[in-house]
Protein backbone atom coordinates (compact mmCIF):
# COMPACT_ATOMS: atom_id res chain seq x y z
CA UNK A 1 35.05 19.10 -28.37
CA UNK A 2 36.96 20.63 -25.89
CA UNK A 3 36.62 20.76 -21.93
CA UNK A 4 35.14 23.82 -21.58
CA UNK A 5 32.35 22.66 -24.35
CA UNK A 6 31.91 19.24 -22.27
CA UNK A 7 30.90 21.97 -19.69
CA UNK A 8 29.10 24.54 -20.75
CA UNK A 9 26.94 21.38 -22.35
CA UNK A 10 26.48 19.72 -19.54
CA UNK A 11 24.82 23.19 -18.29
CA UNK A 12 25.24 22.34 -13.71
CA UNK A 13 23.55 18.55 -14.35
CA UNK A 14 26.37 17.12 -12.36
CA UNK A 15 27.28 17.54 -8.76
CA UNK A 16 31.40 17.22 -7.67
CA UNK A 17 31.32 15.24 -4.91
CA UNK A 18 34.47 13.72 -2.79
CA UNK A 19 36.47 14.72 -6.64
CA UNK A 20 33.74 12.94 -8.38
CA UNK A 21 31.06 13.81 -11.15
CA UNK A 22 27.77 12.92 -10.18
CA UNK A 23 25.00 13.39 -12.17
CA UNK A 24 22.65 15.70 -10.21
CA UNK A 25 19.39 13.60 -10.63
CA UNK A 26 20.97 10.19 -9.14
CA UNK A 27 21.98 12.62 -5.59
CA UNK A 28 18.72 13.95 -5.39
CA UNK A 29 16.84 10.37 -5.77
CA UNK A 30 19.54 9.46 -3.02
CA UNK A 31 18.68 12.50 -0.93
CA UNK A 32 14.99 11.11 -1.32
CA UNK A 33 15.06 7.95 -0.58
CA UNK A 34 17.37 8.80 2.29
CA UNK A 35 14.60 11.13 3.78
CA UNK A 36 11.99 8.44 2.47
CA UNK A 37 13.93 5.69 5.57
CA UNK A 38 14.04 8.10 7.91
CA UNK A 39 10.40 8.79 7.83
CA UNK A 40 9.32 5.95 7.95
CA UNK A 41 11.94 4.62 10.41
CA UNK A 42 10.16 7.11 12.66
CA UNK A 43 6.71 5.96 11.92
CA UNK A 44 7.58 3.06 12.82
CA UNK A 45 9.12 3.49 16.01
CA UNK A 46 5.84 5.49 16.80
CA UNK A 47 3.65 2.84 16.08
CA UNK A 48 6.07 -0.35 17.06
CA UNK A 49 4.11 -0.51 20.40
CA UNK A 50 0.95 -1.36 18.46
CA UNK A 51 2.68 -3.67 15.70
CA UNK A 52 4.37 -5.40 18.54
CA UNK A 53 0.87 -5.81 20.06
CA UNK A 54 -0.86 -6.86 16.68
CA UNK A 55 1.75 -9.44 16.10
CA UNK A 56 2.10 -11.92 19.41
CA UNK A 57 -0.97 -10.73 20.74
CA UNK A 58 -3.21 -10.20 18.44
CA UNK A 59 -6.47 -7.40 17.92
CA UNK A 60 -7.98 -7.76 20.73
CA UNK A 61 -5.36 -6.93 22.94
CA UNK A 62 -4.18 -4.06 20.29
CA UNK A 63 -8.25 -2.82 20.78
CA UNK A 64 -8.37 -2.47 24.72
CA UNK A 65 -4.50 -0.16 24.65
CA UNK A 66 -6.04 1.85 21.63
CA UNK A 67 -9.31 2.01 23.08
CA UNK A 68 -7.50 3.50 26.62
CA UNK A 69 -5.62 6.18 24.78
CA UNK A 70 -9.73 8.25 24.68
CA UNK A 71 -9.71 10.30 21.81
CA UNK A 72 -6.36 9.89 20.56
CA UNK A 73 -7.10 6.06 19.82
CA UNK A 74 -8.08 7.33 16.42
CA UNK A 75 -5.13 8.57 15.21
CA UNK A 76 -2.68 5.71 16.94
CA UNK A 77 -5.42 3.67 14.78
CA UNK A 78 -5.17 6.13 11.54
CA UNK A 79 -0.70 6.58 12.48
CA UNK A 80 -0.76 1.80 12.64
CA UNK A 81 -2.64 1.86 8.79
CA UNK A 82 -0.73 4.78 7.41
CA UNK A 83 2.58 2.29 8.59
CA UNK A 84 0.87 -0.70 7.63
CA UNK A 85 0.44 0.14 3.72
CA UNK A 86 4.08 1.22 3.22
CA UNK A 87 4.96 -1.75 5.12
CA UNK A 88 3.75 -4.35 3.48
CA UNK A 89 4.60 -6.97 5.71
CA UNK A 90 2.00 -5.64 8.30
CA UNK A 91 -1.41 -8.09 7.65
CA UNK A 92 -3.79 -5.43 6.77
CA UNK A 93 -6.61 -7.41 7.50
CA UNK A 94 -5.57 -7.23 11.12
CA UNK A 95 -5.71 -3.48 11.37
CA UNK A 96 -9.64 -3.34 9.04
CA UNK A 97 -10.44 -5.98 12.15
CA UNK A 98 -9.41 -3.54 14.86
CA UNK A 99 -10.87 -0.65 13.64
CA UNK A 100 -14.59 -2.38 13.34
CA UNK A 101 -13.93 -3.86 17.26
CA UNK A 102 -13.04 0.01 18.25
CA UNK A 103 -15.50 2.26 15.92
CA UNK A 104 -17.87 0.34 14.08
CA UNK A 105 -18.38 -1.28 10.41
CA UNK A 106 -18.52 2.88 8.92
CA UNK A 107 -16.60 4.87 11.26
CA UNK A 108 -14.17 1.96 11.48
CA UNK A 109 -13.76 1.72 7.69
CA UNK A 110 -13.76 5.18 7.58
CA UNK A 111 -9.97 4.90 9.17
CA UNK A 112 -8.82 2.67 7.27
CA UNK A 113 -10.33 4.26 3.95
CA UNK A 114 -8.44 7.91 5.18
CA UNK A 115 -5.28 5.53 6.23
CA UNK A 116 -4.87 4.24 3.10
CA UNK A 117 -5.58 7.39 0.85
CA UNK A 118 -3.00 8.83 2.75
CA UNK A 119 0.06 6.58 2.50
CA UNK A 120 -0.97 5.25 -0.71
CA UNK A 121 -0.91 9.12 -2.00
CA UNK A 122 2.51 9.09 0.07
CA UNK A 123 3.76 6.35 -2.58
CA UNK A 124 2.91 7.05 -5.72
CA UNK A 125 4.66 10.76 -5.08
CA UNK A 126 7.55 8.49 -3.76
CA UNK A 127 7.61 6.41 -6.72
CA UNK A 128 7.02 8.96 -9.23
CA UNK A 129 10.06 11.23 -8.04
CA UNK A 130 12.87 7.92 -7.67
CA UNK A 131 11.56 6.31 -10.16
CA UNK A 132 12.40 2.29 -10.65
CA UNK A 133 15.14 1.82 -8.40
CA UNK A 134 13.47 3.01 -5.55
CA UNK A 135 10.69 0.37 -6.36
CA UNK A 136 13.13 -2.56 -6.45
CA UNK A 137 14.49 -1.78 -3.20
CA UNK A 138 11.74 -1.91 -1.63
CA UNK A 139 8.91 -4.67 -3.04
CA UNK A 140 9.55 -7.96 -4.81
CA UNK A 141 9.20 -6.57 -9.19
CA UNK A 142 8.45 -9.96 -10.04
CA UNK A 143 4.88 -8.40 -11.22
CA UNK A 144 6.27 -5.07 -12.89
CA UNK A 145 6.58 -6.93 -16.29
CA UNK A 146 2.89 -8.24 -15.92
CA UNK A 147 1.92 -4.29 -15.25
CA UNK A 148 3.83 -3.13 -17.81
CA UNK A 149 1.23 -5.20 -20.40
CA UNK A 150 -0.80 -4.14 -18.47
CA UNK A 151 -0.57 -0.14 -19.65
CA UNK A 152 -0.01 -1.83 -23.48
CA UNK A 153 -3.64 -3.61 -23.18
CA UNK A 154 -5.41 -0.49 -22.58
CA UNK A 155 -7.07 -1.91 -19.96
CA UNK A 156 -4.98 -1.11 -16.93
CA UNK A 157 -7.73 1.14 -14.87
CA UNK A 158 -10.40 -1.97 -14.70
CA UNK A 159 -7.64 -4.54 -14.66
CA UNK A 160 -6.14 -3.06 -11.50
CA UNK A 161 -9.72 -2.54 -10.29
CA UNK A 162 -9.86 -6.38 -10.48
CA UNK A 163 -6.37 -6.25 -8.48
CA UNK A 164 -7.54 -4.33 -5.89
CA UNK A 165 -11.40 -5.94 -5.44
CA UNK A 166 -10.21 -9.56 -4.82
CA UNK A 167 -8.62 -10.25 -1.17
CA UNK A 168 -5.36 -12.23 -0.84
CA UNK A 169 -3.39 -10.79 -3.16
CA UNK A 170 -0.66 -8.46 -2.69
CA UNK A 171 -2.42 -4.80 -3.14
CA UNK A 172 0.94 -3.20 -0.76
CA UNK A 173 3.23 -4.48 -3.23
CA UNK A 174 1.19 -3.15 -6.03
CA UNK A 175 0.53 0.31 -4.10
CA UNK A 176 4.90 0.59 -5.04
CA UNK A 177 3.92 -0.59 -8.73
CA UNK A 178 1.31 0.58 -10.17
CA UNK A 179 2.87 4.46 -9.69
CA UNK A 180 4.97 3.12 -12.25
CA UNK A 181 2.80 3.25 -14.77
CA UNK A 182 1.42 6.34 -16.45
CA UNK A 183 -1.44 6.40 -14.78
CA UNK A 184 -2.31 9.72 -12.81
CA UNK A 185 -2.63 10.11 -9.31
CA UNK A 186 -6.36 11.56 -9.23
CA UNK A 187 -7.21 7.99 -11.71
CA UNK A 188 -4.45 5.46 -9.30
CA UNK A 189 -6.30 6.87 -5.71
CA UNK A 190 -10.20 6.33 -7.04
CA UNK A 191 -9.17 3.23 -8.77
CA UNK A 192 -8.54 1.78 -5.42
CA UNK A 193 -9.84 3.38 -3.15
CA UNK A 194 -13.44 2.38 -4.07
CA UNK A 195 -11.96 -1.09 -5.60
CA UNK A 196 -10.35 -1.37 -1.41
CA UNK A 197 -13.75 -0.59 -0.10
CA UNK A 198 -15.56 -4.23 0.22
CA UNK A 199 -13.24 -6.08 1.88
CA UNK A 200 -12.58 -3.02 4.33
CA UNK A 201 -15.76 -2.82 4.89
CA UNK A 202 -16.92 -6.48 4.94
CA UNK A 203 -14.03 -6.76 7.52
CA UNK A 204 -14.81 -3.85 10.14
CA UNK A 205 -18.63 -5.34 9.80
CA UNK A 206 -17.71 -8.39 10.76
CA UNK A 207 -15.41 -7.15 13.57
CA UNK A 208 -18.31 -4.86 14.99
CA UNK A 209 -21.01 -8.11 14.87
CA UNK A 210 -18.18 -10.17 17.32
CA UNK A 211 -18.46 -7.20 20.01
CA UNK A 212 -22.23 -6.78 19.72
CA UNK A 213 -23.05 -10.23 19.85
CA UNK A 214 -23.73 -11.30 16.24
CA UNK A 215 -21.64 -14.02 15.70
CA UNK A 216 -22.64 -16.12 13.26
CA UNK A 217 -22.94 -13.24 10.78
CA UNK A 218 -19.24 -12.26 11.38
CA UNK A 219 -18.12 -15.69 11.40
CA UNK A 220 -19.65 -17.00 7.61
CA UNK A 221 -18.27 -13.71 6.55
CA UNK A 222 -15.24 -14.45 7.57
CA UNK A 223 -14.84 -17.72 6.41
CA UNK A 224 -16.27 -16.39 3.15
CA UNK A 225 -13.26 -13.20 3.17
CA UNK A 226 -10.62 -16.46 4.01
CA UNK A 227 -11.90 -18.40 1.41
CA UNK A 228 -11.62 -16.50 -2.12
CA UNK A 229 -7.85 -14.62 -0.39
CA UNK A 230 -7.02 -18.11 0.15
CA UNK A 231 -8.09 -19.41 -3.92
CA UNK A 232 -6.81 -15.86 -4.45
CA UNK A 233 -3.12 -16.32 -2.59
CA UNK A 234 -3.14 -20.10 -4.64
CA UNK A 235 -3.98 -19.70 -8.04
CA UNK A 236 -1.91 -15.77 -8.41
CA UNK A 237 -0.52 -15.92 -11.03
CA UNK A 238 -2.61 -17.86 -12.58
CA UNK A 239 -5.42 -15.31 -12.09
CA UNK A 240 -2.68 -12.75 -13.05
CA UNK A 241 -2.38 -14.82 -16.09
CA UNK A 242 -6.05 -14.84 -16.78
CA UNK A 243 -6.51 -11.30 -16.46
CA UNK A 244 -3.82 -10.19 -18.85
CA UNK A 245 -5.35 -12.69 -21.67
CA UNK A 246 -8.23 -10.82 -20.91
CA UNK A 247 -7.03 -7.60 -20.82
CA UNK A 248 -5.70 -8.41 -24.52
CA UNK A 249 -8.38 -9.86 -25.76
CA UNK A 250 -10.02 -6.96 -25.45
């Protein structure tokens, strides 16, 4: 086959860049990754004062700062929750407590859920367009093979629901890994939202209780959540193996 035939077969699938032929798909992925990091950097820069307050002074100081912003406080908290999902090192439970302290259990939970939905939808679209290399640059993929096996078991939906339901498991990492499976986005968003909600409402309810003077009930809720989360963190590998085995047996 001569050079002209090769060029015709390629059909414009490569781009000449600095004297080298680069697959067009790779270039688009690189551009998408660059755009994502730019958006991420701008988002983090916009909410960094809140992140810094959250990590250094705790939720009480963050509550005061957002409350002082008036009606803009809702947007500030929503932005913080959005970035929290994208940047996996930010503790999600603390933003939930802040939401409950400021806006009560139900409206606070609503803000958190909206932030989770928006960021999870963005992550799903990015992962589907940029593929596994993008995920490998963002999070540890030690669980990736397990998710492949979950999918092969035919019980992926049920297993993902359980993983997002249990406090303490790395849900933000799972948010990047699940879109690598064939689960549709609508199913993905529905499952993780329903599964996250019990933990979110318990956190916001406990935080609201502290503000209303219901100290004992709030402490009891947080102790239960902490115990479940602690056990999940300690035994997460065994738990994943048990869930995987159950999926295969069924």
